[in-house]
Amino acid sequence: MQETRPFVDWKLMEDFMVAVFEKVGVPTEDARICADVLLESDRRGIESHGCNRFKPIYIDRINDGILNPVTEFEVVKETPTTAVVDGHNGMGMVIGTKAMQMAIDKAKQYGMGMVAVRNSTHYGIAGYYATMCTQNNMIGITGTNARPSIAPTFGVENMLGTNPITFGIPTDEEFPFVLDCATSISQRGKIEFYARMGMDTPAGMVIGRDGTAMTDSVQILEDLNCQKAALAPLGGIGETLAGYKGYGYATVVEILSAALQAGSFLKMLSGKDENGNKIPYPLGHFFIAIDTEAFVGAESFKKTAGEILRQLRASQKAPGEDRIYTAGEKEHDVWMFRKDKGVPVGEAVQKELISMRDQYGLTEFKFPFEK
């Protein structure tokens, strides 16, 4: 792997994130959860949701008064296998971790557990919560709605969020099968990454109000915020490459993220009031844990799952290709490469880290990229 950006030690980055979270009012235990979820993105190479988003999505929103640093996790309704939780616009990573743990605890006792959440906020990579399940020999499923970004097939108005639906499946290999992806062809965080890197967005990912594809990443971000552009659903613009499938799955996630807990949906998640003022994004999530022990037993399940993946990787490769991957494998490779090096940070993130360090008087922190 070629990497030209400087690396920051994992411990240094974690300690710094925790210190900044504490400065804006997040309790220490919650701050550690939030930092861990963010850094897990970078460990897996999912940089659209890692330290790139630390300042703009979390610190700035807390300072804007639209994200509560102290999380109130209220159980509204509960049965032996289900629960409905209100997060009161607290830290989404804290809400997500506690909700999935509830689902896991229920699954340990009854074989399956599901928790639906309303009034939450951005919870980082969905794969973090699915992996909580795989670490307990369970299948984990989670999804979340989000601020309107996707246009329905044959439409141009951003109505649905990027709405990931994520599966974590334990195997007998070194790493689990984790399918963590948006139901849009790309997500806003990836376009933010393109913009930071000075790169165009590939054609077919974003549609303008005039129905044409957009590629200018900076302009796309501006137009997404003012409803002049929309992300295409998985499959792309129109029906030719089956964009209707991504549209359908995004709608499934929207329904499960709102209807089970009487939560907000579609345009209600715009983050703006009728006067254009910033307000919280009252997101909904769902978390499902399925105990493999309750079926054929964990070891039997993991062996079969692992064998399926191995046979897929061993199948005939396309001309010019030397490797077939299964979900979670590339992320594992990235972690093996980065685990002793640290998190790579580009110039834009470097400036944000220094700015926050100076703003909050955290003079004890010095980064290796500083001259």
Protein backbone atom coordinates (compact mmCIF):
# COMPACT_ATOMS: atom_id res chain seq x y z
CA MET A 1 0.00 0.00 0.00
CA GLN A 2 1.28 3.43 -0.94
CA GLU A 3 0.70 6.12 1.68
CA THR A 4 2.26 9.56 1.47
CA ARG A 5 0.32 11.22 4.30
CA PRO A 6 1.94 11.41 7.74
CA PHE A 7 0.76 8.97 10.39
CA VAL A 8 -0.41 9.90 13.89
CA ASP A 9 -0.05 7.27 16.60
CA TRP A 10 -3.37 5.63 17.48
CA LYS A 11 -3.02 6.32 21.20
CA LEU A 12 -2.11 9.96 20.60
CA MET A 13 -5.11 10.45 18.31
CA GLU A 14 -7.47 8.71 20.72
CA ASP A 15 -6.27 10.72 23.71
CA PHE A 16 -6.59 13.94 21.72
CA MET A 17 -10.13 13.14 20.56
CA VAL A 18 -11.18 12.27 24.09
CA ALA A 19 -9.68 15.51 25.41
CA VAL A 20 -11.52 17.61 22.81
CA PHE A 21 -14.80 15.77 23.43
CA GLU A 22 -14.38 16.45 27.14
CA LYS A 23 -13.76 20.15 26.45
CA VAL A 24 -17.12 20.44 24.70
CA GLY A 25 -18.96 18.66 27.51
CA VAL A 26 -18.95 14.95 26.62
CA PRO A 27 -18.43 12.78 29.74
CA THR A 28 -15.12 10.88 29.72
CA GLU A 29 -16.61 7.38 29.35
CA ASP A 30 -18.82 8.53 26.48
CA ALA A 31 -15.91 10.41 24.90
CA ARG A 32 -13.89 7.19 24.77
CA ILE A 33 -16.77 5.38 23.04
CA CYS A 34 -17.07 8.17 20.48
CA ALA A 35 -13.34 8.24 19.79
CA ASP A 36 -13.23 4.46 19.42
CA VAL A 37 -16.05 4.43 16.87
CA LEU A 38 -14.40 7.20 14.83
CA LEU A 39 -10.97 5.59 14.89
CA GLU A 40 -12.41 2.20 14.01
CA SER A 41 -13.39 3.79 10.70
CA ASP A 42 -9.77 4.74 10.08
CA ARG A 43 -8.54 1.33 11.20
CA ARG A 44 -10.70 -0.19 8.48
CA GLY A 45 -9.78 2.39 5.87
CA ILE A 46 -13.29 3.90 5.85
CA GLU A 47 -11.92 7.43 5.96
CA SER A 48 -15.23 9.04 5.03
CA HIS A 49 -16.35 8.36 8.63
CA GLY A 50 -13.11 8.64 10.61
CA CYS A 51 -11.09 11.58 11.92
CA ASN A 52 -12.11 13.47 8.77
CA ARG A 53 -15.51 13.93 10.41
CA PHE A 54 -14.38 14.55 13.99
CA LYS A 55 -14.65 18.34 13.83
CA PRO A 56 -17.41 19.06 11.26
CA ILE A 57 -19.93 16.39 12.26
CA TYR A 58 -19.44 16.20 16.02
CA ILE A 59 -17.49 19.07 17.56
CA ASP A 60 -19.05 21.76 15.35
CA ARG A 61 -22.56 20.40 15.88
CA ILE A 62 -22.09 20.37 19.65
CA ASN A 63 -20.87 23.97 19.48
CA ASP A 64 -23.83 24.87 17.25
CA GLY A 65 -26.20 23.54 19.93
CA ILE A 66 -27.76 20.85 17.71
CA LEU A 67 -26.03 17.85 19.30
CA ASN A 68 -26.27 17.16 23.02
CA PRO A 69 -22.87 16.24 24.52
CA VAL A 70 -24.51 14.51 27.49
CA THR A 71 -26.55 11.55 26.28
CA GLU A 72 -29.89 10.63 27.84
CA PHE A 73 -30.63 7.01 26.90
CA GLU A 74 -34.33 6.54 27.68
CA VAL A 75 -35.98 3.12 27.28
CA VAL A 76 -39.51 3.99 26.18
CA LYS A 77 -40.86 0.47 25.77
CA GLU A 78 -39.36 -2.97 26.35
CA THR A 79 -40.22 -6.65 25.96
CA PRO A 80 -37.95 -9.68 26.51
CA THR A 81 -36.73 -9.51 22.90
CA THR A 82 -37.36 -5.90 21.83
CA ALA A 83 -36.98 -2.32 22.99
CA VAL A 84 -37.72 1.21 21.83
CA VAL A 85 -35.21 3.86 22.90
CA ASP A 86 -35.26 7.66 22.76
CA GLY A 87 -31.77 9.16 22.47
CA HIS A 88 -32.85 12.79 23.01
CA ASN A 89 -30.40 14.03 20.35
CA GLY A 90 -27.39 12.80 22.31
CA MET A 91 -24.17 11.30 20.98
CA GLY A 92 -25.13 8.76 18.32
CA MET A 93 -22.10 6.54 18.95
CA VAL A 94 -23.01 6.24 22.64
CA ILE A 95 -26.66 5.56 21.82
CA GLY A 96 -25.70 3.00 19.18
CA THR A 97 -23.28 1.14 21.44
CA LYS A 98 -25.79 0.90 24.28
CA ALA A 99 -28.65 -0.08 21.98
CA MET A 100 -26.71 -2.86 20.26
CA GLN A 101 -25.52 -4.12 23.64
CA MET A 102 -29.18 -4.34 24.69
CA ALA A 103 -29.95 -6.37 21.58
CA ILE A 104 -26.98 -8.67 22.27
CA ASP A 105 -28.04 -9.21 25.89
CA LYS A 106 -31.55 -10.13 24.76
CA ALA A 107 -30.20 -12.48 22.11
CA LYS A 108 -28.03 -14.26 24.66
CA GLN A 109 -31.16 -15.08 26.63
CA TYR A 110 -33.77 -15.58 23.91
CA GLY A 111 -31.82 -16.22 20.71
CA MET A 112 -32.71 -12.90 19.07
CA GLY A 113 -32.97 -9.28 20.13
CA MET A 114 -33.92 -6.05 18.41
CA VAL A 115 -33.76 -2.43 19.54
CA ALA A 116 -35.24 0.54 17.66
CA VAL A 117 -33.99 4.07 18.40
CA ARG A 118 -35.48 7.50 17.76
CA ASN A 119 -34.08 10.99 18.27
CA SER A 120 -30.49 9.90 17.85
CA THR A 121 -27.69 11.52 15.85
CA HIS A 122 -24.95 10.43 13.46
CA TYR A 123 -23.58 7.16 14.86
CA GLY A 124 -20.44 6.70 12.77
CA ILE A 125 -19.81 3.51 10.81
CA ALA A 126 -22.65 1.02 11.10
CA GLY A 127 -20.14 -1.82 10.89
CA TYR A 128 -18.91 -1.00 14.39
CA TYR A 129 -22.18 -2.20 15.89
CA ALA A 130 -22.48 -5.22 13.62
CA THR A 131 -18.97 -6.23 14.74
CA MET A 132 -20.06 -6.02 18.38
CA CYS A 133 -22.30 -8.97 17.48
CA THR A 134 -19.67 -11.00 15.63
CA GLN A 135 -17.43 -10.73 18.68
CA ASN A 136 -20.20 -12.55 20.56
CA ASN A 137 -20.69 -15.25 17.87
CA MET A 138 -23.82 -13.44 16.74
CA ILE A 139 -25.12 -12.09 13.46
CA GLY A 140 -25.51 -8.33 13.70
CA ILE A 141 -27.76 -6.19 11.54
CA THR A 142 -28.15 -2.44 11.81
CA GLY A 143 -29.40 0.45 9.74
CA THR A 144 -30.04 4.16 10.07
CA ASN A 145 -31.81 6.89 8.21
CA ALA A 146 -30.07 10.19 7.54
CA ARG A 147 -30.58 13.72 6.24
CA PRO A 148 -32.16 13.70 2.76
CA SER A 149 -29.58 13.01 0.08
CA ILE A 150 -30.90 10.35 -2.32
CA ALA A 151 -33.33 11.06 -5.12
CA PRO A 152 -35.88 8.32 -5.93
CA THR A 153 -35.37 6.60 -9.27
CA PHE A 154 -36.70 8.92 -12.02
CA GLY A 155 -36.61 11.80 -9.50
CA VAL A 156 -34.16 14.64 -8.82
CA GLU A 157 -35.22 15.76 -5.33
CA ASN A 158 -33.19 14.53 -2.36
CA MET A 159 -35.69 12.64 -0.23
CA LEU A 160 -34.01 9.62 1.39
CA GLY A 161 -30.83 9.45 3.43
CA THR A 162 -27.83 7.37 2.41
CA ASN A 163 -29.44 4.79 4.72
CA PRO A 164 -26.89 1.98 5.20
CA ILE A 165 -28.06 -1.52 5.99
CA THR A 166 -25.18 -3.44 7.49
CA PHE A 167 -24.55 -7.11 8.26
CA GLY A 168 -21.87 -8.60 10.47
CA ILE A 169 -21.45 -12.39 10.33
CA PRO A 170 -18.98 -14.39 12.45
CA THR A 171 -16.71 -16.85 10.68
CA ASP A 172 -13.89 -19.24 11.57
CA GLU A 173 -11.37 -16.89 9.91
CA GLU A 174 -9.24 -14.11 11.36
CA PHE A 175 -11.91 -11.54 10.56
CA PRO A 176 -15.71 -11.56 10.30
CA PHE A 177 -17.79 -10.96 7.19
CA VAL A 178 -18.94 -7.34 7.48
CA LEU A 179 -20.97 -5.75 4.70
CA ASP A 180 -21.18 -2.06 5.57
CA CYS A 181 -22.38 0.15 2.75
CA ALA A 182 -24.84 2.88 1.96
CA THR A 183 -27.89 2.34 -0.22
CA SER A 184 -26.74 5.29 -2.32
CA ILE A 185 -24.09 4.71 -4.98
CA SER A 186 -21.86 6.86 -2.79
CA GLN A 187 -22.28 8.68 0.50
CA ARG A 188 -21.87 12.32 1.42
CA GLY A 189 -18.77 11.50 3.47
CA LYS A 190 -17.03 10.06 0.39
CA ILE A 191 -17.74 13.26 -1.55
CA GLU A 192 -16.43 15.28 1.39
CA PHE A 193 -13.27 13.16 1.14
CA TYR A 194 -13.02 13.79 -2.62
CA ALA A 195 -13.39 17.53 -1.99
CA ARG A 196 -10.67 17.49 0.67
CA MET A 197 -8.35 15.66 -1.71
CA GLY A 198 -9.17 17.97 -4.65
CA MET A 199 -10.73 15.12 -6.64
CA ASP A 200 -13.79 15.03 -8.88
CA THR A 201 -16.73 12.78 -7.99
CA PRO A 202 -17.15 10.03 -10.62
CA ALA A 203 -19.99 10.68 -13.05
CA GLY A 204 -23.24 8.85 -12.27
CA MET A 205 -23.10 9.25 -8.50
CA VAL A 206 -24.85 12.63 -8.22
CA ILE A 207 -27.75 14.11 -10.17
CA GLY A 208 -28.56 17.81 -10.49
CA ARG A 209 -32.02 19.35 -10.56
CA ASP A 210 -31.75 19.47 -14.35
CA GLY A 211 -31.35 15.67 -14.45
CA THR A 212 -27.69 15.65 -15.49
CA ALA A 213 -24.76 14.02 -13.70
CA MET A 214 -22.51 16.27 -11.53
CA THR A 215 -18.78 15.74 -10.87
CA ASP A 216 -17.43 18.90 -9.15
CA SER A 217 -17.07 17.66 -5.55
CA VAL A 218 -17.02 21.10 -3.90
CA GLN A 219 -20.03 22.26 -5.92
CA ILE A 220 -21.87 19.01 -5.16
CA LEU A 221 -21.49 19.56 -1.41
CA GLU A 222 -22.82 23.11 -1.74
CA ASP A 223 -25.75 21.97 -3.89
CA LEU A 224 -26.59 19.03 -1.62
CA ASN A 225 -26.99 21.47 1.26
CA CYS A 226 -29.43 23.66 -0.66
CA GLN A 227 -31.39 20.86 -2.34
CA LYS A 228 -29.95 21.54 -5.81
CA ALA A 229 -28.31 18.12 -6.10
CA ALA A 230 -29.06 14.58 -4.94
CA LEU A 231 -27.13 11.34 -4.60
CA ALA A 232 -28.14 8.52 -6.92
CA PRO A 233 -29.32 5.29 -5.30
CA LEU A 234 -27.13 2.19 -5.45
CA GLY A 235 -27.00 1.22 -9.11
CA GLY A 236 -26.81 4.80 -10.31
CA ILE A 237 -28.98 7.31 -12.10
CA GLY A 238 -32.07 5.89 -13.77
CA GLU A 239 -33.13 2.27 -14.23
CA THR A 240 -30.60 0.92 -16.73
CA LEU A 241 -28.10 -0.20 -14.06
CA ALA A 242 -30.86 -1.13 -11.58
CA GLY A 243 -30.85 2.05 -9.50
CA TYR A 244 -34.38 1.12 -8.45
CA LYS A 245 -32.88 -1.63 -6.28
CA GLY A 246 -30.86 0.84 -4.24
CA TYR A 247 -33.91 3.09 -4.06
CA GLY A 248 -35.99 0.20 -2.75
CA TYR A 249 -33.44 -0.82 -0.10
CA ALA A 250 -33.04 2.80 1.01
CA THR A 251 -36.80 2.95 1.51
CA VAL A 252 -36.75 -0.26 3.56
CA VAL A 253 -34.14 1.27 5.88
CA GLU A 254 -36.14 4.52 6.11
CA ILE A 255 -39.26 2.63 7.19
CA LEU A 256 -37.46 0.43 9.73
CA SER A 257 -35.58 3.45 11.11
CA ALA A 258 -38.75 5.48 11.66
CA ALA A 259 -41.94 3.42 11.76
CA LEU A 260 -40.88 0.99 14.52
CA GLN A 261 -40.26 3.82 16.96
CA ALA A 262 -42.60 6.56 15.66
CA GLY A 263 -39.55 8.58 14.68
CA SER A 264 -38.74 11.26 12.12
CA PHE A 265 -38.23 10.56 8.43
CA LEU A 266 -37.44 12.03 4.99
CA LYS A 267 -37.59 15.86 4.98
CA MET A 268 -38.03 15.92 8.76
CA LEU A 269 -34.30 15.10 8.91
CA SER A 270 -33.09 18.15 6.98
CA GLY A 271 -31.47 19.77 10.02
CA LYS A 272 -33.19 23.10 9.30
CA ASP A 273 -36.36 24.72 10.61
CA GLU A 274 -38.88 26.65 8.49
CA ASN A 275 -36.64 29.75 8.74
CA GLY A 276 -33.49 27.94 7.69
CA ASN A 277 -31.99 27.81 11.18
CA LYS A 278 -29.93 24.78 12.26
CA ILE A 279 -31.78 22.20 14.36
CA PRO A 280 -30.88 18.65 15.46
CA TYR A 281 -31.05 15.75 13.02
CA PRO A 282 -33.40 13.39 14.96
CA LEU A 283 -32.20 10.17 13.33
CA GLY A 284 -33.60 6.69 13.80
CA HIS A 285 -31.60 3.45 13.98
CA PHE A 286 -32.38 -0.24 14.37
CA PHE A 287 -30.17 -2.97 15.83
CA ILE A 288 -30.69 -6.72 15.50
CA ALA A 289 -28.65 -9.47 17.18
CA ILE A 290 -29.09 -13.14 16.27
CA ASP A 291 -27.32 -15.77 18.38
CA THR A 292 -25.89 -18.50 16.12
CA GLU A 293 -25.73 -20.81 19.15
CA ALA A 294 -29.54 -20.89 19.14
CA PHE A 295 -29.52 -22.52 15.67
CA VAL A 296 -26.80 -25.07 14.85
CA GLY A 297 -24.25 -23.87 17.36
CA ALA A 298 -21.64 -21.15 16.91
CA GLU A 299 -18.76 -23.36 15.78
CA SER A 300 -20.80 -25.14 13.11
CA PHE A 301 -22.17 -21.84 11.84
CA LYS A 302 -18.76 -20.17 11.67
CA LYS A 303 -17.21 -23.13 9.87
CA THR A 304 -19.88 -23.10 7.15
CA ALA A 305 -19.76 -19.32 6.80
CA GLY A 306 -15.98 -19.42 6.51
CA GLU A 307 -16.08 -22.17 3.91
CA ILE A 308 -18.53 -20.19 1.78
CA LEU A 309 -16.17 -17.22 1.82
CA ARG A 310 -13.10 -19.33 1.07
CA GLN A 311 -14.78 -20.93 -1.93
CA LEU A 312 -15.81 -17.53 -3.23
CA ARG A 313 -12.25 -16.22 -2.99
CA ALA A 314 -10.89 -19.36 -4.64
CA SER A 315 -13.22 -19.13 -7.65
CA GLN A 316 -11.99 -18.31 -11.14
CA LYS A 317 -10.67 -14.77 -11.42
CA ALA A 318 -11.31 -12.35 -14.25
CA PRO A 319 -8.46 -11.75 -16.70
CA GLY A 320 -5.91 -9.38 -15.20
CA GLU A 321 -7.20 -9.82 -11.65
CA ASP A 322 -5.12 -11.60 -9.04
CA ARG A 323 -7.49 -11.61 -6.08
CA ILE A 324 -11.17 -11.95 -5.20
CA TYR A 325 -12.26 -10.36 -1.92
CA THR A 326 -15.12 -10.99 0.48
CA ALA A 327 -16.67 -8.25 2.60
CA GLY A 328 -14.45 -7.24 5.49
CA GLU A 329 -11.26 -8.60 3.95
CA LYS A 330 -9.95 -5.31 2.53
CA GLU A 331 -10.70 -3.60 5.84
CA HIS A 332 -8.72 -6.32 7.64
CA ASP A 333 -5.80 -5.78 5.25
CA VAL A 334 -5.87 -2.03 5.94
CA TRP A 335 -5.77 -2.67 9.68
CA MET A 336 -2.80 -5.04 9.32
CA PHE A 337 -0.98 -2.28 7.43
CA ARG A 338 -1.90 0.56 9.78
CA LYS A 339 -1.94 -1.05 13.21
CA ASP A 340 1.72 -0.30 13.99
CA LYS A 341 1.88 2.94 12.02
CA GLY A 342 -1.12 4.98 13.13
CA VAL A 343 -3.86 6.91 11.38
CA PRO A 344 -2.88 8.78 8.22
CA VAL A 345 -4.05 12.39 8.12
CA GLY A 346 -4.19 14.71 5.12
CA GLU A 347 -3.44 18.41 5.13
CA ALA A 348 -7.04 19.53 5.73
CA VAL A 349 -7.42 17.31 8.81
CA GLN A 350 -4.00 18.38 10.09
CA LYS A 351 -5.21 21.99 10.09
CA GLU A 352 -8.39 21.00 11.93
CA LEU A 353 -6.45 19.11 14.60
CA ILE A 354 -4.11 22.03 15.22
CA SER A 355 -7.04 24.46 15.25
CA MET A 356 -8.91 22.43 17.89
CA ARG A 357 -5.74 21.93 19.93
CA ASP A 358 -5.13 25.67 20.03
CA GLN A 359 -8.80 26.59 20.54
CA TYR A 360 -9.14 24.36 23.60
CA GLY A 361 -5.70 25.01 25.04
CA LEU A 362 -4.57 21.39 24.80
CA THR A 363 -0.91 22.37 24.70
CA GLU A 364 0.25 18.94 25.89
CA PHE A 365 -0.50 17.50 22.45
CA LYS A 366 2.04 17.79 19.64
CA PHE A 367 1.54 16.05 16.31
CA PRO A 368 4.31 14.48 14.24
CA PHE A 369 3.37 16.48 11.14
CA GLU A 370 4.11 19.81 12.88
CA LYS A 371 7.37 21.48 11.91
